[in-house]
N, C-alpha and C. Protein backbone atom coordinates (compact mmCIF):
# COMPACT_ATOMS: atom_id res chain seq x y z
N MET A 1 66.27 95.33 81.26
CA MET A 1 66.49 96.58 81.97
C MET A 1 67.16 97.62 81.08
N ALA A 2 67.74 97.19 79.98
CA ALA A 2 68.46 98.13 79.12
C ALA A 2 67.56 99.22 78.58
N ASP A 3 66.34 98.84 78.12
CA ASP A 3 65.48 99.88 77.54
C ASP A 3 64.99 100.84 78.61
N GLN A 4 64.95 100.39 79.89
CA GLN A 4 64.59 101.30 80.97
C GLN A 4 65.64 102.41 81.09
N GLN A 5 66.91 102.04 80.98
CA GLN A 5 67.97 103.02 81.09
C GLN A 5 67.91 104.04 79.95
N GLN A 6 67.51 103.61 78.75
CA GLN A 6 67.43 104.51 77.62
C GLN A 6 66.37 105.60 77.83
N LYS A 7 65.36 105.32 78.64
CA LYS A 7 64.28 106.27 78.86
C LYS A 7 64.63 107.34 79.89
N LEU A 8 65.67 107.13 80.66
CA LEU A 8 66.00 108.09 81.71
C LEU A 8 66.52 109.40 81.13
N GLU A 9 66.10 110.49 81.76
CA GLU A 9 66.53 111.82 81.33
C GLU A 9 67.36 112.48 82.43
N ALA A 10 68.29 113.30 82.03
CA ALA A 10 69.11 114.02 83.00
C ALA A 10 68.23 114.94 83.84
N ALA A 11 68.61 115.10 85.10
CA ALA A 11 67.87 115.98 86.01
C ALA A 11 68.88 116.80 86.80
N TYR A 12 68.44 117.97 87.23
CA TYR A 12 69.32 118.91 87.93
C TYR A 12 68.59 119.51 89.11
N ASN A 13 69.35 119.83 90.18
CA ASN A 13 68.74 120.51 91.32
C ASN A 13 68.73 122.02 91.08
N GLU A 14 68.26 122.76 92.08
CA GLU A 14 68.13 124.21 91.93
C GLU A 14 69.47 124.92 91.76
N LYS A 15 70.59 124.27 92.12
CA LYS A 15 71.92 124.84 91.94
C LYS A 15 72.51 124.48 90.58
N GLY A 16 71.77 123.68 89.79
CA GLY A 16 72.26 123.25 88.49
C GLY A 16 73.13 122.01 88.54
N GLU A 17 73.22 121.40 89.72
CA GLU A 17 74.03 120.18 89.87
C GLU A 17 73.24 118.97 89.36
N THR A 18 73.96 118.03 88.79
CA THR A 18 73.33 116.80 88.32
C THR A 18 72.82 115.99 89.50
N ILE A 19 71.60 115.48 89.38
CA ILE A 19 71.03 114.57 90.37
C ILE A 19 70.60 113.29 89.65
N SER A 20 70.03 112.36 90.38
CA SER A 20 69.60 111.09 89.77
C SER A 20 68.69 111.35 88.59
N PRO A 21 68.89 110.62 87.48
CA PRO A 21 68.05 110.82 86.30
C PRO A 21 66.60 110.41 86.57
N ILE A 22 65.69 110.92 85.73
CA ILE A 22 64.26 110.65 85.91
C ILE A 22 63.65 110.13 84.61
N LEU A 23 62.50 109.51 84.74
CA LEU A 23 61.76 109.05 83.56
C LEU A 23 61.09 110.24 82.90
N PRO A 24 60.82 110.16 81.62
CA PRO A 24 60.11 111.25 80.94
C PRO A 24 58.70 111.42 81.51
N GLU A 25 58.16 112.61 81.34
CA GLU A 25 56.79 112.93 81.75
C GLU A 25 55.84 111.88 81.19
N GLY A 26 54.96 111.37 82.03
CA GLY A 26 53.95 110.42 81.58
C GLY A 26 54.33 108.96 81.67
N VAL A 27 55.62 108.66 81.88
CA VAL A 27 56.04 107.27 82.01
C VAL A 27 56.03 106.92 83.50
N LYS A 28 55.30 105.87 83.84
CA LYS A 28 55.20 105.45 85.24
C LYS A 28 56.17 104.31 85.50
N ASN A 29 56.68 104.27 86.72
CA ASN A 29 57.60 103.25 87.18
C ASN A 29 56.84 102.37 88.17
N PHE A 30 56.15 101.35 87.67
CA PHE A 30 55.30 100.52 88.52
C PHE A 30 56.13 99.50 89.30
N LEU A 31 55.95 99.46 90.62
CA LEU A 31 56.48 98.42 91.48
C LEU A 31 55.28 97.60 91.91
N ILE A 32 55.22 96.34 91.51
CA ILE A 32 54.02 95.54 91.70
C ILE A 32 54.33 94.28 92.50
N ASP A 33 53.57 94.08 93.55
CA ASP A 33 53.69 92.87 94.36
C ASP A 33 53.21 91.67 93.55
N ILE A 34 53.58 90.48 93.96
CA ILE A 34 53.15 89.27 93.25
C ILE A 34 52.04 88.56 94.03
N ASP A 35 52.37 88.06 95.23
CA ASP A 35 51.42 87.24 95.98
C ASP A 35 50.27 88.07 96.54
N GLY A 36 49.06 87.67 96.16
CA GLY A 36 47.87 88.39 96.58
C GLY A 36 47.55 89.57 95.70
N THR A 37 48.38 89.81 94.67
CA THR A 37 48.18 90.94 93.77
C THR A 37 48.01 90.50 92.32
N ILE A 38 48.90 89.63 91.84
CA ILE A 38 48.72 89.11 90.47
C ILE A 38 48.34 87.63 90.48
N CYS A 39 48.38 87.02 91.67
CA CYS A 39 47.96 85.63 91.85
C CYS A 39 47.57 85.45 93.32
N ASP A 40 47.13 84.25 93.68
CA ASP A 40 46.78 84.00 95.07
C ASP A 40 47.97 84.29 95.98
N ASP A 41 47.69 84.62 97.23
CA ASP A 41 48.72 84.93 98.22
C ASP A 41 49.35 83.63 98.70
N ILE A 42 50.59 83.40 98.30
CA ILE A 42 51.30 82.17 98.64
C ILE A 42 52.50 82.52 99.52
N PRO A 43 52.56 82.00 100.75
CA PRO A 43 53.70 82.33 101.61
C PRO A 43 54.98 81.62 101.15
N ASN A 44 56.11 82.19 101.51
CA ASN A 44 57.41 81.62 101.16
C ASN A 44 57.57 80.19 101.68
N GLU A 45 56.85 79.87 102.74
CA GLU A 45 56.96 78.55 103.35
C GLU A 45 56.29 77.45 102.52
N GLU A 46 55.56 77.83 101.45
CA GLU A 46 54.88 76.84 100.61
C GLU A 46 55.25 77.04 99.13
N PRO A 47 56.54 76.95 98.79
CA PRO A 47 56.98 77.26 97.43
C PRO A 47 56.42 76.33 96.35
N GLU A 48 56.02 75.13 96.72
CA GLU A 48 55.47 74.21 95.72
C GLU A 48 54.21 74.78 95.07
N ARG A 49 53.48 75.63 95.76
CA ARG A 49 52.26 76.25 95.21
C ARG A 49 52.60 77.35 94.21
N MET A 50 53.81 77.90 94.27
CA MET A 50 54.19 79.00 93.39
C MET A 50 54.18 78.59 91.92
N ALA A 51 54.48 77.34 91.64
CA ALA A 51 54.56 76.87 90.25
C ALA A 51 53.20 76.56 89.66
N THR A 52 52.20 76.30 90.50
CA THR A 52 50.92 75.81 89.99
C THR A 52 49.77 76.81 90.09
N CYS A 53 49.97 77.91 90.79
CA CYS A 53 48.87 78.88 90.92
C CYS A 53 48.60 79.55 89.57
N LEU A 54 47.42 80.09 89.44
CA LEU A 54 47.05 80.78 88.20
C LEU A 54 47.09 82.29 88.40
N PRO A 55 47.44 83.03 87.37
CA PRO A 55 47.43 84.49 87.49
C PRO A 55 46.00 85.02 87.49
N TYR A 56 45.80 86.17 88.09
CA TYR A 56 44.52 86.85 87.97
C TYR A 56 44.46 87.40 86.55
N PRO A 57 43.43 87.03 85.76
CA PRO A 57 43.37 87.43 84.35
C PRO A 57 43.43 88.94 84.14
N ASP A 58 42.77 89.70 85.02
CA ASP A 58 42.79 91.16 84.87
C ASP A 58 44.19 91.71 85.11
N ALA A 59 44.96 91.08 85.99
CA ALA A 59 46.33 91.52 86.26
C ALA A 59 47.19 91.34 85.01
N LEU A 60 47.11 90.18 84.40
CA LEU A 60 47.89 89.90 83.19
C LEU A 60 47.54 90.90 82.09
N LYS A 61 46.27 91.13 81.89
CA LYS A 61 45.82 92.04 80.83
C LYS A 61 46.30 93.48 81.07
N ILE A 62 46.07 94.01 82.27
CA ILE A 62 46.41 95.41 82.56
C ILE A 62 47.92 95.61 82.61
N LEU A 63 48.66 94.71 83.28
CA LEU A 63 50.11 94.88 83.37
C LEU A 63 50.77 94.82 82.00
N ASN A 64 50.35 93.89 81.16
CA ASN A 64 50.91 93.83 79.81
C ASN A 64 50.53 95.05 78.99
N LYS A 65 49.34 95.59 79.22
CA LYS A 65 48.92 96.84 78.55
C LYS A 65 49.84 97.99 78.96
N TRP A 66 50.08 98.12 80.27
CA TRP A 66 50.97 99.19 80.75
C TRP A 66 52.37 99.03 80.17
N TYR A 67 52.86 97.81 80.09
CA TYR A 67 54.17 97.54 79.50
C TYR A 67 54.19 98.02 78.05
N GLU A 68 53.16 97.64 77.28
CA GLU A 68 53.08 98.04 75.87
C GLU A 68 52.95 99.55 75.71
N GLU A 69 52.36 100.23 76.69
CA GLU A 69 52.24 101.69 76.64
C GLU A 69 53.55 102.39 76.97
N GLY A 70 54.57 101.62 77.35
CA GLY A 70 55.89 102.20 77.61
C GLY A 70 56.21 102.44 79.07
N HIS A 71 55.35 101.99 79.97
CA HIS A 71 55.63 102.13 81.40
C HIS A 71 56.61 101.05 81.85
N ILE A 72 57.26 101.28 82.97
CA ILE A 72 58.23 100.33 83.52
C ILE A 72 57.50 99.42 84.50
N ILE A 73 57.63 98.12 84.31
CA ILE A 73 56.99 97.13 85.17
C ILE A 73 58.10 96.37 85.92
N THR A 74 58.12 96.54 87.23
CA THR A 74 59.07 95.82 88.08
C THR A 74 58.28 95.12 89.18
N PHE A 75 58.48 93.83 89.30
CA PHE A 75 57.84 93.10 90.39
C PHE A 75 58.69 93.27 91.64
N PHE A 76 58.04 93.61 92.76
CA PHE A 76 58.67 93.88 94.05
C PHE A 76 58.01 92.93 95.03
N THR A 77 58.68 91.84 95.35
CA THR A 77 58.04 90.74 96.06
C THR A 77 58.75 90.35 97.35
N SER A 78 57.98 89.81 98.28
CA SER A 78 58.55 89.28 99.52
C SER A 78 59.14 87.89 99.33
N ARG A 79 58.98 87.34 98.14
CA ARG A 79 59.63 86.06 97.86
C ARG A 79 61.14 86.25 97.98
N THR A 80 61.84 85.21 98.39
CA THR A 80 63.28 85.32 98.59
C THR A 80 64.04 84.93 97.32
N GLU A 81 65.35 85.16 97.33
CA GLU A 81 66.18 84.81 96.17
C GLU A 81 66.07 83.33 95.82
N GLU A 82 65.86 82.48 96.80
CA GLU A 82 65.74 81.04 96.50
C GLU A 82 64.48 80.76 95.68
N HIS A 83 63.55 81.71 95.61
CA HIS A 83 62.33 81.55 94.82
C HIS A 83 62.40 82.27 93.47
N ARG A 84 63.54 82.87 93.16
CA ARG A 84 63.65 83.65 91.92
C ARG A 84 63.39 82.79 90.67
N ALA A 85 64.04 81.66 90.55
CA ALA A 85 63.90 80.84 89.33
C ALA A 85 62.46 80.39 89.12
N ILE A 86 61.81 79.88 90.16
CA ILE A 86 60.43 79.41 90.02
C ILE A 86 59.50 80.58 89.68
N THR A 87 59.80 81.76 90.22
CA THR A 87 58.97 82.94 89.96
C THR A 87 59.16 83.41 88.52
N GLU A 88 60.41 83.48 88.05
CA GLU A 88 60.66 83.88 86.66
C GLU A 88 60.03 82.90 85.68
N GLU A 89 60.13 81.60 85.97
CA GLU A 89 59.51 80.59 85.10
C GLU A 89 57.99 80.77 85.06
N TRP A 90 57.38 81.05 86.21
CA TRP A 90 55.93 81.23 86.29
C TRP A 90 55.51 82.48 85.50
N LEU A 91 56.24 83.57 85.67
CA LEU A 91 55.92 84.80 84.93
C LEU A 91 56.02 84.57 83.42
N GLN A 92 57.07 83.86 82.99
CA GLN A 92 57.25 83.57 81.57
C GLN A 92 56.16 82.63 81.06
N LYS A 93 55.85 81.60 81.82
CA LYS A 93 54.82 80.63 81.44
C LYS A 93 53.47 81.31 81.19
N HIS A 94 53.18 82.34 81.99
CA HIS A 94 51.89 83.02 81.87
C HIS A 94 51.97 84.30 81.04
N SER A 95 53.11 84.54 80.41
CA SER A 95 53.30 85.64 79.44
C SER A 95 53.23 87.04 80.04
N PHE A 96 53.68 87.19 81.29
CA PHE A 96 53.78 88.53 81.87
C PHE A 96 54.97 89.25 81.23
N LYS A 97 54.77 90.48 80.83
CA LYS A 97 55.85 91.31 80.29
C LYS A 97 56.32 92.22 81.42
N TYR A 98 57.64 92.26 81.64
CA TYR A 98 58.16 93.08 82.73
C TYR A 98 59.63 93.39 82.47
N HIS A 99 60.12 94.38 83.22
CA HIS A 99 61.50 94.82 83.05
C HIS A 99 62.45 94.27 84.11
N GLY A 100 61.93 93.98 85.29
CA GLY A 100 62.80 93.50 86.35
C GLY A 100 62.01 92.97 87.54
N MET A 101 62.76 92.40 88.49
CA MET A 101 62.13 91.87 89.69
C MET A 101 63.06 92.09 90.87
N VAL A 102 62.52 92.60 91.95
CA VAL A 102 63.26 92.82 93.18
C VAL A 102 62.71 91.85 94.22
N MET A 103 63.56 90.99 94.73
CA MET A 103 63.17 89.99 95.71
C MET A 103 63.44 90.52 97.12
N GLY A 104 62.81 89.91 98.11
CA GLY A 104 63.13 90.20 99.51
C GLY A 104 62.45 91.43 100.09
N LYS A 105 61.31 91.84 99.53
CA LYS A 105 60.55 92.95 100.13
C LYS A 105 60.21 92.56 101.56
N PRO A 106 60.32 93.46 102.52
CA PRO A 106 59.96 93.10 103.90
C PRO A 106 58.54 92.57 103.98
N ARG A 107 58.34 91.56 104.81
CA ARG A 107 57.02 90.96 104.97
C ARG A 107 56.24 91.70 106.06
N GLY A 108 54.94 91.56 106.01
CA GLY A 108 54.11 92.09 107.10
C GLY A 108 53.22 93.25 106.73
N GLY A 109 53.42 93.83 105.57
CA GLY A 109 52.55 94.94 105.15
C GLY A 109 52.81 96.22 105.92
N ASN A 110 51.80 97.10 105.96
CA ASN A 110 51.87 98.40 106.63
C ASN A 110 53.07 99.22 106.14
N TYR A 111 53.29 99.22 104.84
CA TYR A 111 54.44 99.89 104.24
C TYR A 111 54.28 101.41 104.26
N HIS A 112 55.37 102.09 104.48
CA HIS A 112 55.41 103.55 104.41
C HIS A 112 56.71 103.90 103.69
N TRP A 113 56.61 104.35 102.47
CA TRP A 113 57.76 104.58 101.62
C TRP A 113 58.17 106.04 101.69
N ILE A 114 59.43 106.30 101.99
CA ILE A 114 59.98 107.66 102.04
C ILE A 114 61.05 107.75 100.96
N ASP A 115 60.93 108.74 100.08
CA ASP A 115 61.83 108.86 98.94
C ASP A 115 61.92 110.33 98.56
N ASN A 116 62.99 110.72 97.86
CA ASN A 116 63.10 112.10 97.39
C ASN A 116 62.39 112.30 96.05
N HIS A 117 61.87 111.24 95.47
CA HIS A 117 61.10 111.33 94.23
C HIS A 117 59.61 111.18 94.54
N ILE A 118 58.77 111.56 93.62
CA ILE A 118 57.33 111.42 93.79
C ILE A 118 56.99 109.94 93.94
N VAL A 119 56.17 109.62 94.94
CA VAL A 119 55.71 108.26 95.15
C VAL A 119 54.19 108.29 95.17
N LYS A 120 53.58 107.46 94.35
CA LYS A 120 52.13 107.31 94.34
C LYS A 120 51.83 105.87 94.73
N ALA A 121 50.88 105.68 95.62
CA ALA A 121 50.55 104.34 96.08
C ALA A 121 49.13 103.98 95.67
N THR A 122 48.94 102.74 95.25
CA THR A 122 47.62 102.23 94.91
C THR A 122 47.47 100.90 95.63
N ARG A 123 46.50 100.84 96.53
CA ARG A 123 46.27 99.59 97.25
C ARG A 123 45.42 98.67 96.39
N PHE A 124 45.92 97.46 96.18
CA PHE A 124 45.19 96.48 95.38
C PHE A 124 44.04 95.91 96.21
N LYS A 125 42.85 95.93 95.63
CA LYS A 125 41.67 95.44 96.35
C LYS A 125 40.93 94.39 95.54
N GLY A 126 41.66 93.52 94.84
CA GLY A 126 41.05 92.38 94.22
C GLY A 126 40.86 92.42 92.72
N LYS A 127 41.04 93.56 92.07
CA LYS A 127 40.84 93.62 90.63
C LYS A 127 41.68 94.74 90.03
N PHE A 128 42.38 94.43 88.94
CA PHE A 128 43.11 95.45 88.19
C PHE A 128 42.16 96.11 87.21
N THR A 129 42.23 97.43 87.12
CA THR A 129 41.48 98.20 86.13
C THR A 129 42.40 99.33 85.67
N ASP A 130 41.93 100.12 84.72
CA ASP A 130 42.67 101.34 84.40
C ASP A 130 42.69 102.21 85.65
N LEU A 131 43.72 103.02 85.81
CA LEU A 131 43.83 103.89 86.97
C LEU A 131 42.98 105.14 86.78
N VAL A 132 42.41 105.64 87.88
CA VAL A 132 41.66 106.88 87.87
C VAL A 132 42.26 107.81 88.92
N VAL A 133 42.06 109.11 88.77
CA VAL A 133 42.58 110.08 89.72
C VAL A 133 41.56 110.30 90.82
N ARG A 134 42.01 110.17 92.07
CA ARG A 134 41.18 110.43 93.24
C ARG A 134 42.04 111.17 94.26
N THR A 135 41.43 111.96 95.10
CA THR A 135 42.14 112.67 96.15
C THR A 135 41.86 111.99 97.49
N HIS A 136 42.93 111.67 98.22
CA HIS A 136 42.80 111.03 99.53
C HIS A 136 43.73 111.73 100.51
N GLU A 137 43.41 111.63 101.78
CA GLU A 137 44.25 112.20 102.82
C GLU A 137 45.43 111.27 103.05
N ILE A 138 46.64 111.85 103.15
CA ILE A 138 47.84 111.06 103.37
C ILE A 138 48.69 111.68 104.47
N GLU A 139 49.63 110.91 105.01
CA GLU A 139 50.57 111.44 105.99
C GLU A 139 51.77 112.04 105.25
N VAL A 140 52.20 113.22 105.68
CA VAL A 140 53.36 113.88 105.08
C VAL A 140 54.23 114.47 106.19
N PHE A 141 55.46 114.87 105.85
CA PHE A 141 56.31 115.56 106.80
C PHE A 141 55.81 116.98 107.01
N LYS A 142 56.06 117.56 108.21
CA LYS A 142 55.67 118.95 108.49
C LYS A 142 56.43 119.90 107.60
């Protein structure tokens, strides 16, 4: 996580007051799910499968490419803290490059993220590829 902190730049609001720092232009802060996204969907109730599942090859290739390009890779998973060690071992065993992992994402899907920073969402539909720009209708505040 140390190199992530080095990339942050000072930011200011319209009054000139310091606000939360931001990443430089062009650097993406990827939050990536694990189960059903980089490997088969394994519920917390079956942790023995977490050690033996295989990664999706396209996920490993693209995520490591993004890491090498200087983007921030953080896994954001519904796995619990009791699954942290087995998950870190699995990521290391399969050579995933990443900066951090956040455990305990709420389960159930249908996520709606509200933040004061720009949020871009990409729904995973079975294969990682390079990202392309598309325009879609979204819900916003009035």
